[in-house]
Amino acid sequence: MTKPRILFFGYSEVGHACLELLRARGDNVVALITHEDNPHEKIWFQTPAVTARAAGIPVHTPDTVNTPDWIERIVALQPELILSVYYRNMISSKILALPRLGAFNLHGSLLPKYRGRAPINWAVLHGETRIGMTLHRMVKAPDAGAIVDQEGVDIGPRDSAEVAFRKVLPCGRRVIERQIDALLSGSAKETPQDESQATYFGGRKPEDGRIAWSQTSRQIFNLIRAVTDPYPGAFVDVGSARLMVWWAEPKSIATQGRRGQPGELLCLDPLVVATGDGAMELTRVEWRQAPAPTLCVGGMLP
């Protein structure tokens, strides 16, 4: 008996891991719809295109699938189940209505919290101590469909977003592994989301890494660890130069007892800057875009 036809939308390491699971199981994946790598983005993760090509699965990278031409092409693929795993674009209701077994998405948060883009970065920025992956039915509104399954993992107060991502990555594969047979048989149980608990955050841009020294040391540290390498990084502009802050310490021997106006340079070696509630030590920095300016104690970082 022919296995149900799966159309897989995916990208990133999570998409790679889940497509590899389906390939290893021998599931009938008829095509992968994914993204071209962005030349302005640091590609630090494996992508599902490598797995698909190795398995002889057709790979497509349209800018959008919501055009009449692409909807017609998807109809021709005769998908019986759509799985979306870290695919970055919206999929129209016309496409979601095509498969008889439904369309389901794996999202990188414990829904209904952190709907939208970059959920792990946002969770780290807000100081969350637990994150996860959620499999849910796809509906018109982003990440709002009924939940099939989810799994969480604890993260530490010093974990960067990449460390948090590495910790939560296995959760996605385990959720799909637990539920794929139920999805393929049309027997997966679904629980509506509690809309009163829902939060939504949009995509993050490099400009969102700008540091506001008026915030608390913990808030600034959470921003730094949420966007540090391999993400674009936290920064301040000093004249025509940009100071990238890749790591810092909100509490260190050098910061004890130090106070000043937010942004004031309290010490140069080590580099200590006043914040809204004290001071923090910048332990890994990089000057970009212009020669580094001369800094002095009592000077200000914007």
C-alpha atoms as a PDB file:
ATOM      1  CA  MET A   1       0.000   0.000   0.000  1.00  0.00           C
ATOM      2  CA  THR A   2       1.384   3.406  -0.976  1.00  0.00           C
ATOM      3  CA  LYS A   3       2.184   5.609   1.993  1.00  0.00           C
ATOM      4  CA  PRO A   4       0.472   9.023   2.231  1.00  0.00           C
ATOM      5  CA  ARG A   5       2.140  11.761   0.212  1.00  0.00           C
ATOM      6  CA  ILE A   6       3.907  14.324   2.440  1.00  0.00           C
ATOM      7  CA  LEU A   7       4.791  17.799   1.196  1.00  0.00           C
ATOM      8  CA  PHE A   8       7.525  19.154   3.473  1.00  0.00           C
ATOM      9  CA  PHE A   9       8.107  22.873   3.967  1.00  0.00           C
ATOM     10  CA  GLY A  10      11.271  23.455   5.985  1.00  0.00           C
ATOM     11  CA  TYR A  11      14.519  25.212   6.720  1.00  0.00           C
ATOM     12  CA  SER A  12      17.194  25.456   9.420  1.00  0.00           C
ATOM     13  CA  GLU A  13      18.656  22.703  11.589  1.00  0.00           C
ATOM     14  CA  VAL A  14      15.199  21.741  12.863  1.00  0.00           C
ATOM     15  CA  GLY A  15      13.924  21.219   9.335  1.00  0.00           C
ATOM     16  CA  HIS A  16      17.019  19.166   8.552  1.00  0.00           C
ATOM     17  CA  ALA A  17      16.569  16.939  11.633  1.00  0.00           C
ATOM     18  CA  CYS A  18      12.874  16.308  10.998  1.00  0.00           C
ATOM     19  CA  LEU A  19      13.257  15.621   7.279  1.00  0.00           C
ATOM     20  CA  GLU A  20      16.099  13.220   8.092  1.00  0.00           C
ATOM     21  CA  LEU A  21      13.716  11.415  10.473  1.00  0.00           C
ATOM     22  CA  LEU A  22      11.082  11.029   7.740  1.00  0.00           C
ATOM     23  CA  ARG A  23      13.728   9.832   5.276  1.00  0.00           C
ATOM     24  CA  ALA A  24      15.056   7.252   7.748  1.00  0.00           C
ATOM     25  CA  ARG A  25      11.502   5.990   8.350  1.00  0.00           C
ATOM     26  CA  GLY A  26      10.883   5.604   4.629  1.00  0.00           C
ATOM     27  CA  ASP A  27       7.981   8.044   4.575  1.00  0.00           C
ATOM     28  CA  ASN A  28       6.709   9.245   1.205  1.00  0.00           C
ATOM     29  CA  VAL A  29       8.026  12.829   1.007  1.00  0.00           C
ATOM     30  CA  VAL A  30       7.111  14.021  -2.491  1.00  0.00           C
ATOM     31  CA  ALA A  31       8.967  17.368  -2.382  1.00  0.00           C
ATOM     32  CA  LEU A  32      10.766  19.865  -0.169  1.00  0.00           C
ATOM     33  CA  ILE A  33       9.869  23.540  -0.376  1.00  0.00           C
ATOM     34  CA  THR A  34      12.573  25.593   1.296  1.00  0.00           C
ATOM     35  CA  HIS A  35      14.602  28.833   1.070  1.00  0.00           C
ATOM     36  CA  GLU A  36      17.737  29.859  -0.725  1.00  0.00           C
ATOM     37  CA  ASP A  37      20.420  30.719   1.826  1.00  0.00           C
ATOM     38  CA  ASN A  38      20.573  34.467   2.473  1.00  0.00           C
ATOM     39  CA  PRO A  39      24.066  35.758   1.538  1.00  0.00           C
ATOM     40  CA  HIS A  40      23.778  38.359   4.325  1.00  0.00           C
ATOM     41  CA  GLU A  41      23.022  35.742   6.974  1.00  0.00           C
ATOM     42  CA  LYS A  42      25.576  33.570   8.729  1.00  0.00           C
ATOM     43  CA  ILE A  43      24.545  30.013   7.863  1.00  0.00           C
ATOM     44  CA  TRP A  44      25.698  28.130  10.954  1.00  0.00           C
ATOM     45  CA  PHE A  45      23.146  25.318  10.731  1.00  0.00           C
ATOM     46  CA  GLN A  46      22.450  22.325   8.507  1.00  0.00           C
ATOM     47  CA  THR A  47      19.558  22.735   6.069  1.00  0.00           C
ATOM     48  CA  PRO A  48      17.049  20.140   4.818  1.00  0.00           C
ATOM     49  CA  ALA A  49      17.999  20.685   1.157  1.00  0.00           C
ATOM     50  CA  VAL A  50      21.133  18.552   1.642  1.00  0.00           C
ATOM     51  CA  THR A  51      19.094  15.646   3.022  1.00  0.00           C
ATOM     52  CA  ALA A  52      16.439  15.994   0.313  1.00  0.00           C
ATOM     53  CA  ARG A  53      18.895  15.993  -2.581  1.00  0.00           C
ATOM     54  CA  ALA A  54      20.761  13.002  -1.160  1.00  0.00           C
ATOM     55  CA  ALA A  55      17.457  11.113  -0.974  1.00  0.00           C
ATOM     56  CA  GLY A  56      16.313  12.140  -4.452  1.00  0.00           C
ATOM     57  CA  ILE A  57      13.512  14.339  -3.111  1.00  0.00           C
ATOM     58  CA  PRO A  58      12.766  17.312  -5.432  1.00  0.00           C
ATOM     59  CA  VAL A  59      13.802  20.650  -3.898  1.00  0.00           C
ATOM     60  CA  HIS A  60      12.015  23.930  -4.668  1.00  0.00           C
ATOM     61  CA  THR A  61      12.936  27.422  -3.455  1.00  0.00           C
ATOM     62  CA  PRO A  62      10.192  29.843  -4.578  1.00  0.00           C
ATOM     63  CA  ASP A  63      10.087  33.364  -3.154  1.00  0.00           C
ATOM     64  CA  THR A  64       6.427  32.653  -2.373  1.00  0.00           C
ATOM     65  CA  VAL A  65       4.158  29.652  -2.861  1.00  0.00           C
ATOM     66  CA  ASN A  66       1.008  31.742  -2.787  1.00  0.00           C
ATOM     67  CA  THR A  67       0.908  32.655  -6.487  1.00  0.00           C
ATOM     68  CA  PRO A  68      -1.602  30.972  -8.845  1.00  0.00           C
ATOM     69  CA  ASP A  69       1.267  29.210 -10.618  1.00  0.00           C
ATOM     70  CA  TRP A  70       2.703  27.720  -7.440  1.00  0.00           C
ATOM     71  CA  ILE A  71      -0.689  26.756  -6.066  1.00  0.00           C
ATOM     72  CA  GLU A  72      -1.284  24.871  -9.312  1.00  0.00           C
ATOM     73  CA  ARG A  73       2.088  23.143  -8.985  1.00  0.00           C
ATOM     74  CA  ILE A  74       1.316  22.120  -5.397  1.00  0.00           C
ATOM     75  CA  VAL A  75      -2.087  20.774  -6.447  1.00  0.00           C
ATOM     76  CA  ALA A  76      -0.256  18.639  -9.021  1.00  0.00           C
ATOM     77  CA  LEU A  77       1.914  17.157  -6.244  1.00  0.00           C
ATOM     78  CA  GLN A  78      -1.278  15.771  -4.659  1.00  0.00           C
ATOM     79  CA  PRO A  79      -0.132  16.214  -1.050  1.00  0.00           C
ATOM     80  CA  GLU A  80      -2.090  14.282   1.538  1.00  0.00           C
ATOM     81  CA  LEU A  81      -0.226  15.814   4.502  1.00  0.00           C
ATOM     82  CA  ILE A  82       1.676  19.106   4.771  1.00  0.00           C
ATOM     83  CA  LEU A  83       4.417  19.413   7.380  1.00  0.00           C
ATOM     84  CA  SER A  84       6.077  22.775   7.967  1.00  0.00           C
ATOM     85  CA  VAL A  85       9.238  22.891  10.080  1.00  0.00           C
ATOM     86  CA  TYR A  86      10.916  26.290  10.472  1.00  0.00           C
ATOM     87  CA  TYR A  87       9.705  27.438   7.059  1.00  0.00           C
ATOM     88  CA  ARG A  88       9.889  31.236   7.233  1.00  0.00           C
ATOM     89  CA  ASN A  89       7.098  32.340   4.892  1.00  0.00           C
ATOM     90  CA  MET A  90       3.342  32.339   5.323  1.00  0.00           C
ATOM     91  CA  ILE A  91       1.446  29.600   3.474  1.00  0.00           C
ATOM     92  CA  SER A  92      -1.947  30.611   2.113  1.00  0.00           C
ATOM     93  CA  SER A  93      -5.233  29.121   3.294  1.00  0.00           C
ATOM     94  CA  LYS A  94      -5.798  27.735  -0.214  1.00  0.00           C
ATOM     95  CA  ILE A  95      -2.687  25.567   0.133  1.00  0.00           C
ATOM     96  CA  LEU A  96      -3.416  24.586   3.740  1.00  0.00           C
ATOM     97  CA  ALA A  97      -6.840  23.299   2.661  1.00  0.00           C
ATOM     98  CA  LEU A  98      -5.429  20.941   0.004  1.00  0.00           C
ATOM     99  CA  PRO A  99      -4.204  17.866   1.945  1.00  0.00           C
ATOM    100  CA  ARG A 100      -6.887  15.500   3.218  1.00  0.00           C
ATOM    101  CA  LEU A 101      -4.870  14.804   6.387  1.00  0.00           C
ATOM    102  CA  GLY A 102      -4.328  18.477   7.147  1.00  0.00           C
ATOM    103  CA  ALA A 103      -1.369  20.845   7.475  1.00  0.00           C
ATOM    104  CA  PHE A 104       0.766  20.993  10.620  1.00  0.00           C
ATOM    105  CA  ASN A 105       3.650  23.182  11.751  1.00  0.00           C
ATOM    106  CA  LEU A 106       6.474  22.662  14.240  1.00  0.00           C
ATOM    107  CA  HIS A 107       7.061  25.943  16.064  1.00  0.00           C
ATOM    108  CA  GLY A 108      10.014  26.794  18.310  1.00  0.00           C
ATOM    109  CA  SER A 109       8.177  27.779  21.471  1.00  0.00           C
ATOM    110  CA  LEU A 110       5.792  26.421  24.061  1.00  0.00           C
ATOM    111  CA  LEU A 111       2.649  27.783  22.440  1.00  0.00           C
ATOM    112  CA  PRO A 112       0.581  29.826  22.973  1.00  0.00           C
ATOM    113  CA  LYS A 113       3.559  31.886  24.176  1.00  0.00           C
ATOM    114  CA  TYR A 114       6.000  33.360  21.656  1.00  0.00           C
ATOM    115  CA  ARG A 115       4.023  33.034  18.473  1.00  0.00           C
ATOM    116  CA  GLY A 116       5.755  34.585  15.458  1.00  0.00           C
ATOM    117  CA  ARG A 117       9.364  34.819  14.338  1.00  0.00           C
ATOM    118  CA  ALA A 118      12.618  34.159  16.249  1.00  0.00           C
ATOM    119  CA  PRO A 119      10.859  32.667  19.309  1.00  0.00           C
ATOM    120  CA  ILE A 120      14.033  31.334  20.930  1.00  0.00           C
ATOM    121  CA  ASN A 121      15.827  34.676  20.649  1.00  0.00           C
ATOM    122  CA  TRP A 122      12.821  36.463  22.124  1.00  0.00           C
ATOM    123  CA  ALA A 123      12.554  33.933  24.955  1.00  0.00           C
ATOM    124  CA  VAL A 124      16.227  34.388  25.890  1.00  0.00           C
ATOM    125  CA  LEU A 125      15.862  38.161  25.683  1.00  0.00           C
ATOM    126  CA  HIS A 126      12.942  38.014  28.122  1.00  0.00           C
ATOM    127  CA  GLY A 127      14.822  35.792  30.544  1.00  0.00           C
ATOM    128  CA  GLU A 128      12.671  32.682  30.147  1.00  0.00           C
ATOM    129  CA  THR A 129      13.916  29.607  31.980  1.00  0.00           C
ATOM    130  CA  ARG A 130      12.056  27.042  29.876  1.00  0.00           C
ATOM    131  CA  ILE A 131      11.544  26.837  26.113  1.00  0.00           C
ATOM    132  CA  GLY A 132      10.281  24.153  23.767  1.00  0.00           C
ATOM    133  CA  MET A 133       8.821  22.947  20.480  1.00  0.00           C
ATOM    134  CA  THR A 134       5.119  22.705  19.619  1.00  0.00           C
ATOM    135  CA  LEU A 135       3.408  20.758  16.828  1.00  0.00           C
ATOM    136  CA  HIS A 136       0.130  22.425  15.880  1.00  0.00           C
ATOM    137  CA  ARG A 137      -2.424  22.568  13.111  1.00  0.00           C
ATOM    138  CA  MET A 138      -1.825  25.395  10.653  1.00  0.00           C
ATOM    139  CA  VAL A 139      -4.572  28.001  10.342  1.00  0.00           C
ATOM    140  CA  LYS A 140      -4.768  31.450   8.781  1.00  0.00           C
ATOM    141  CA  ALA A 141      -3.384  33.242  11.871  1.00  0.00           C
ATOM    142  CA  PRO A 142       0.319  32.544  12.592  1.00  0.00           C
ATOM    143  CA  ASP A 143       0.962  29.765  15.135  1.00  0.00           C
ATOM    144  CA  ALA A 144      -2.630  29.892  16.396  1.00  0.00           C
ATOM    145  CA  GLY A 145      -3.911  26.411  15.507  1.00  0.00           C
ATOM    146  CA  ALA A 146      -4.771  23.595  17.872  1.00  0.00           C
ATOM    147  CA  ILE A 147      -1.844  21.877  19.601  1.00  0.00           C
ATOM    148  CA  VAL A 148      -1.024  18.250  18.826  1.00  0.00           C
ATOM    149  CA  ASP A 149       2.053  17.862  21.034  1.00  0.00           C
ATOM    150  CA  GLN A 150       4.851  19.846  22.633  1.00  0.00           C
ATOM    151  CA  GLU A 151       8.028  19.226  24.608  1.00  0.00           C
ATOM    152  CA  GLY A 152      10.110  21.632  26.675  1.00  0.00           C
ATOM    153  CA  VAL A 153      13.594  21.942  28.106  1.00  0.00           C
ATOM    154  CA  ASP A 154      15.145  24.107  30.820  1.00  0.00           C
ATOM    155  CA  ILE A 155      17.698  26.755  29.858  1.00  0.00           C
ATOM    156  CA  GLY A 156      20.115  28.622  32.097  1.00  0.00           C
ATOM    157  CA  PRO A 157      20.368  32.354  32.863  1.00  0.00           C
ATOM    158  CA  ARG A 158      23.737  32.513  31.044  1.00  0.00           C
ATOM    159  CA  ASP A 159      22.799  30.480  27.971  1.00  0.00           C
ATOM    160  CA  SER A 160      23.165  32.259  24.649  1.00  0.00           C
ATOM    161  CA  ALA A 161      20.422  31.864  22.051  1.00  0.00           C
ATOM    162  CA  GLU A 162      22.571  29.338  20.189  1.00  0.00           C
ATOM    163  CA  VAL A 163      23.089  27.264  23.334  1.00  0.00           C
ATOM    164  CA  ALA A 164      19.339  27.427  24.003  1.00  0.00           C
ATOM    165  CA  PHE A 165      18.662  26.373  20.400  1.00  0.00           C
ATOM    166  CA  ARG A 166      21.016  23.385  20.723  1.00  0.00           C
ATOM    167  CA  LYS A 167      19.256  22.320  23.919  1.00  0.00           C
ATOM    168  CA  VAL A 168      15.764  22.513  22.418  1.00  0.00           C
ATOM    169  CA  LEU A 169      16.634  21.055  18.994  1.00  0.00           C
ATOM    170  CA  PRO A 170      16.098  17.387  19.988  1.00  0.00           C
ATOM    171  CA  CYS A 171      12.597  18.245  21.230  1.00  0.00           C
ATOM    172  CA  GLY A 172      11.423  18.939  17.678  1.00  0.00           C
ATOM    173  CA  ARG A 173      12.501  15.589  16.296  1.00  0.00           C
ATOM    174  CA  ARG A 174      11.026  13.746  19.300  1.00  0.00           C
ATOM    175  CA  VAL A 175       7.650  15.482  18.903  1.00  0.00           C
ATOM    176  CA  ILE A 176       7.481  14.599  15.200  1.00  0.00           C
ATOM    177  CA  GLU A 177       8.613  11.038  15.947  1.00  0.00           C
ATOM    178  CA  ARG A 178       5.850  10.643  18.542  1.00  0.00           C
ATOM    179  CA  GLN A 179       3.106  12.025  16.324  1.00  0.00           C
ATOM    180  CA  ILE A 180       3.927  11.234  12.687  1.00  0.00           C
ATOM    181  CA  ASP A 181       2.024   7.942  12.588  1.00  0.00           C
ATOM    182  CA  ALA A 182      -1.055   9.605  14.089  1.00  0.00           C
ATOM    183  CA  LEU A 183      -0.779  12.442  11.558  1.00  0.00           C
ATOM    184  CA  LEU A 184      -0.498   9.968   8.679  1.00  0.00           C
ATOM    185  CA  SER A 185      -3.542   8.035   9.896  1.00  0.00           C
ATOM    186  CA  GLY A 186      -5.585  11.151  10.605  1.00  0.00           C
ATOM    187  CA  SER A 187      -5.949  10.212  14.275  1.00  0.00           C
ATOM    188  CA  ALA A 188      -3.828  12.890  15.984  1.00  0.00           C
ATOM    189  CA  LYS A 189      -5.523  14.466  18.995  1.00  0.00           C
ATOM    190  CA  GLU A 190      -5.691  18.260  19.067  1.00  0.00           C
ATOM    191  CA  THR A 191      -6.190  20.752  21.905  1.00  0.00           C
ATOM    192  CA  PRO A 192      -7.228  24.359  21.182  1.00  0.00           C
ATOM    193  CA  GLN A 193      -4.777  27.019  22.370  1.00  0.00           C
ATOM    194  CA  ASP A 194      -5.659  29.228  25.317  1.00  0.00           C
ATOM    195  CA  GLU A 195      -5.890  32.629  23.644  1.00  0.00           C
ATOM    196  CA  SER A 196      -5.714  34.413  26.994  1.00  0.00           C
ATOM    197  CA  GLN A 197      -2.107  33.175  27.349  1.00  0.00           C
ATOM    198  CA  ALA A 198      -1.007  33.989  23.800  1.00  0.00           C
ATOM    199  CA  THR A 199       1.901  36.342  23.051  1.00  0.00           C
ATOM    200  CA  TYR A 200       3.214  37.331  19.625  1.00  0.00           C
ATOM    201  CA  PHE A 201       6.593  38.731  18.541  1.00  0.00           C
ATOM    202  CA  GLY A 202       7.760  39.738  15.082  1.00  0.00           C
ATOM    203  CA  GLY A 203      11.005  39.053  13.295  1.00  0.00           C
ATOM    204  CA  ARG A 204      14.203  40.592  14.622  1.00  0.00           C
ATOM    205  CA  LYS A 205      16.482  42.871  12.586  1.00  0.00           C
ATOM    206  CA  PRO A 206      20.159  43.691  13.248  1.00  0.00           C
ATOM    207  CA  GLU A 207      19.074  47.164  14.428  1.00  0.00           C
ATOM    208  CA  ASP A 208      17.161  45.505  17.265  1.00  0.00           C
ATOM    209  CA  GLY A 209      20.528  44.704  18.858  1.00  0.00           C
ATOM    210  CA  ARG A 210      21.148  48.343  19.829  1.00  0.00           C
ATOM    211  CA  ILE A 211      21.926  48.603  23.558  1.00  0.00           C
ATOM    212  CA  ALA A 212      20.026  51.041  25.784  1.00  0.00           C
ATOM    213  CA  TRP A 213      22.234  51.672  28.812  1.00  0.00           C
ATOM    214  CA  SER A 214      19.240  53.003  30.768  1.00  0.00           C
ATOM    215  CA  GLN A 215      18.009  49.418  31.100  1.00  0.00           C
ATOM    216  CA  THR A 216      19.066  47.197  33.994  1.00  0.00           C
ATOM    217  CA  SER A 217      22.252  45.163  33.779  1.00  0.00           C
ATOM    218  CA  ARG A 218      20.199  41.971  33.566  1.00  0.00           C
ATOM    219  CA  GLN A 219      18.073  43.314  30.701  1.00  0.00           C
ATOM    220  CA  ILE A 220      21.174  44.363  28.763  1.00  0.00           C
ATOM    221  CA  PHE A 221      22.862  41.019  29.433  1.00  0.00           C
ATOM    222  CA  ASN A 222      19.770  39.162  28.217  1.00  0.00           C
ATOM    223  CA  LEU A 223      19.850  41.185  24.991  1.00  0.00           C
ATOM    224  CA  ILE A 224      23.556  40.417  24.498  1.00  0.00           C
ATOM    225  CA  ARG A 225      23.129  36.668  24.981  1.00  0.00           C
ATOM    226  CA  ALA A 226      19.994  36.641  22.804  1.00  0.00           C
ATOM    227  CA  VAL A 227      21.782  38.106  19.771  1.00  0.00           C
ATOM    228  CA  THR A 228      25.443  37.202  20.215  1.00  0.00           C
ATOM    229  CA  ASP A 229      27.308  35.186  17.567  1.00  0.00           C
ATOM    230  CA  PRO A 230      26.102  33.525  15.335  1.00  0.00           C
ATOM    231  CA  TYR A 231      23.364  36.167  15.371  1.00  0.00           C
ATOM    232  CA  PRO A 232      24.064  39.804  14.357  1.00  0.00           C
ATOM    233  CA  GLY A 233      25.086  40.942  17.860  1.00  0.00           C
ATOM    234  CA  ALA A 234      24.415  43.751  20.347  1.00  0.00           C
ATOM    235  CA  PHE A 235      26.061  47.122  19.733  1.00  0.00           C
ATOM    236  CA  VAL A 236      26.374  50.856  20.338  1.00  0.00           C
ATOM    237  CA  ASP A 237      27.508  53.493  17.852  1.00  0.00           C
ATOM    238  CA  VAL A 238      30.283  55.838  18.951  1.00  0.00           C
ATOM    239  CA  GLY A 239      30.630  58.545  16.336  1.00  0.00           C
ATOM    240  CA  SER A 240      31.139  56.767  13.008  1.00  0.00           C
ATOM    241  CA  ALA A 241      32.371  53.578  14.673  1.00  0.00           C
ATOM    242  CA  ARG A 242      30.303  50.684  15.944  1.00  0.00           C
ATOM    243  CA  LEU A 243      31.208  48.804  19.105  1.00  0.00           C
ATOM    244  CA  MET A 244      29.936  45.209  18.945  1.00  0.00           C
ATOM    245  CA  VAL A 245      29.404  43.628  22.356  1.00  0.00           C
ATOM    246  CA  TRP A 246      29.615  39.858  22.020  1.00  0.00           C
ATOM    247  CA  TRP A 247      29.643  39.059  25.742  1.00  0.00           C
ATOM    248  CA  ALA A 248      29.499  40.818  29.081  1.00  0.00           C
ATOM    249  CA  GLU A 249      29.212  40.168  32.800  1.00  0.00           C
ATOM    250  CA  PRO A 250      26.349  41.827  34.691  1.00  0.00           C
ATOM    251  CA  LYS A 251      28.016  40.965  37.984  1.00  0.00           C
ATOM    252  CA  SER A 252      31.786  40.757  38.308  1.00  0.00           C
ATOM    253  CA  ILE A 253      34.470  41.949  40.714  1.00  0.00           C
ATOM    254  CA  ALA A 254      35.057  44.933  38.424  1.00  0.00           C
ATOM    255  CA  THR A 255      31.414  46.086  38.650  1.00  0.00           C
ATOM    256  CA  GLN A 256      30.970  45.856  42.415  1.00  0.00           C
ATOM    257  CA  GLY A 257      30.032  49.154  44.007  1.00  0.00           C
ATOM    258  CA  ARG A 258      30.303  51.106  40.748  1.00  0.00           C
ATOM    259  CA  ARG A 259      27.580  53.567  39.762  1.00  0.00           C
ATOM    260  CA  GLY A 260      27.281  56.337  37.230  1.00  0.00           C
ATOM    261  CA  GLN A 261      25.062  57.821  34.579  1.00  0.00           C
ATOM    262  CA  PRO A 262      23.798  55.129  32.170  1.00  0.00           C
ATOM    263  CA  GLY A 263      26.401  54.713  29.434  1.00  0.00           C
ATOM    264  CA  GLU A 264      29.214  56.318  31.465  1.00  0.00           C
ATOM    265  CA  LEU A 265      32.620  54.651  31.145  1.00  0.00           C
ATOM    266  CA  LEU A 266      33.633  53.721  34.692  1.00  0.00           C
ATOM    267  CA  CYS A 267      36.806  51.806  33.849  1.00  0.00           C
ATOM    268  CA  LEU A 268      38.760  51.041  30.668  1.00  0.00           C
ATOM    269  CA  ASP A 269      40.723  47.949  31.719  1.00  0.00           C
ATOM    270  CA  PRO A 270      38.521  46.027  32.214  1.00  0.00           C
ATOM    271  CA  LEU A 271      35.866  47.899  30.237  1.00  0.00           C
ATOM    272  CA  VAL A 272      33.039  48.755  32.656  1.00  0.00           C
ATOM    273  CA  VAL A 273      29.959  50.773  31.701  1.00  0.00           C
ATOM    274  CA  ALA A 274      27.233  52.169  33.942  1.00  0.00           C
ATOM    275  CA  THR A 275      23.717  50.832  33.446  1.00  0.00           C
ATOM    276  CA  GLY A 276      20.284  51.785  34.736  1.00  0.00           C
ATOM    277  CA  ASP A 277      20.825  49.955  38.021  1.00  0.00           C
ATOM    278  CA  GLY A 278      24.598  49.616  38.388  1.00  0.00           C
ATOM    279  CA  ALA A 279      27.331  48.571  35.968  1.00  0.00           C
ATOM    280  CA  MET A 280      28.442  45.755  33.701  1.00  0.00           C
ATOM    281  CA  GLU A 281      31.769  44.572  32.384  1.00  0.00           C
ATOM    282  CA  LEU A 282      32.076  44.187  28.606  1.00  0.00           C
ATOM    283  CA  THR A 283      34.315  41.139  28.228  1.00  0.00           C
ATOM    284  CA  ARG A 284      34.271  40.504  24.467  1.00  0.00           C
ATOM    285  CA  VAL A 285      33.977  43.470  22.137  1.00  0.00           C
ATOM    286  CA  GLU A 286      34.854  44.368  18.555  1.00  0.00           C
ATOM    287  CA  TRP A 287      35.141  47.724  16.775  1.00  0.00           C
ATOM    288  CA  ARG A 288      33.625  47.880  13.312  1.00  0.00           C
ATOM    289  CA  GLN A 289      33.202  50.283  10.402  1.00  0.00           C
ATOM    290  CA  ALA A 290      35.818  52.871  11.437  1.00  0.00           C
ATOM    291  CA  PRO A 291      39.015  53.227  13.492  1.00  0.00           C
ATOM    292  CA  ALA A 292      38.273  52.756  17.165  1.00  0.00           C
ATOM    293  CA  PRO A 293      37.794  56.094  18.950  1.00  0.00           C
ATOM    294  CA  THR A 294      39.800  57.062  22.011  1.00  0.00           C
ATOM    295  CA  LEU A 295      37.819  56.251  25.146  1.00  0.00           C
ATOM    296  CA  CYS A 296      38.347  57.812  28.560  1.00  0.00           C
ATOM    297  CA  VAL A 297      36.971  57.237  32.047  1.00  0.00           C
ATOM    298  CA  GLY A 298      33.969  59.505  32.515  1.00  0.00           C
ATOM    299  CA  GLY A 299      33.186  59.478  28.790  1.00  0.00           C
ATOM    300  CA  MET A 300      29.838  58.260  27.574  1.00  0.00           C
ATOM    301  CA  LEU A 301      28.657  55.491  25.293  1.00  0.00           C
ATOM    302  CA  PRO A 302      25.419  56.498  23.543  1.00  0.00           C
END
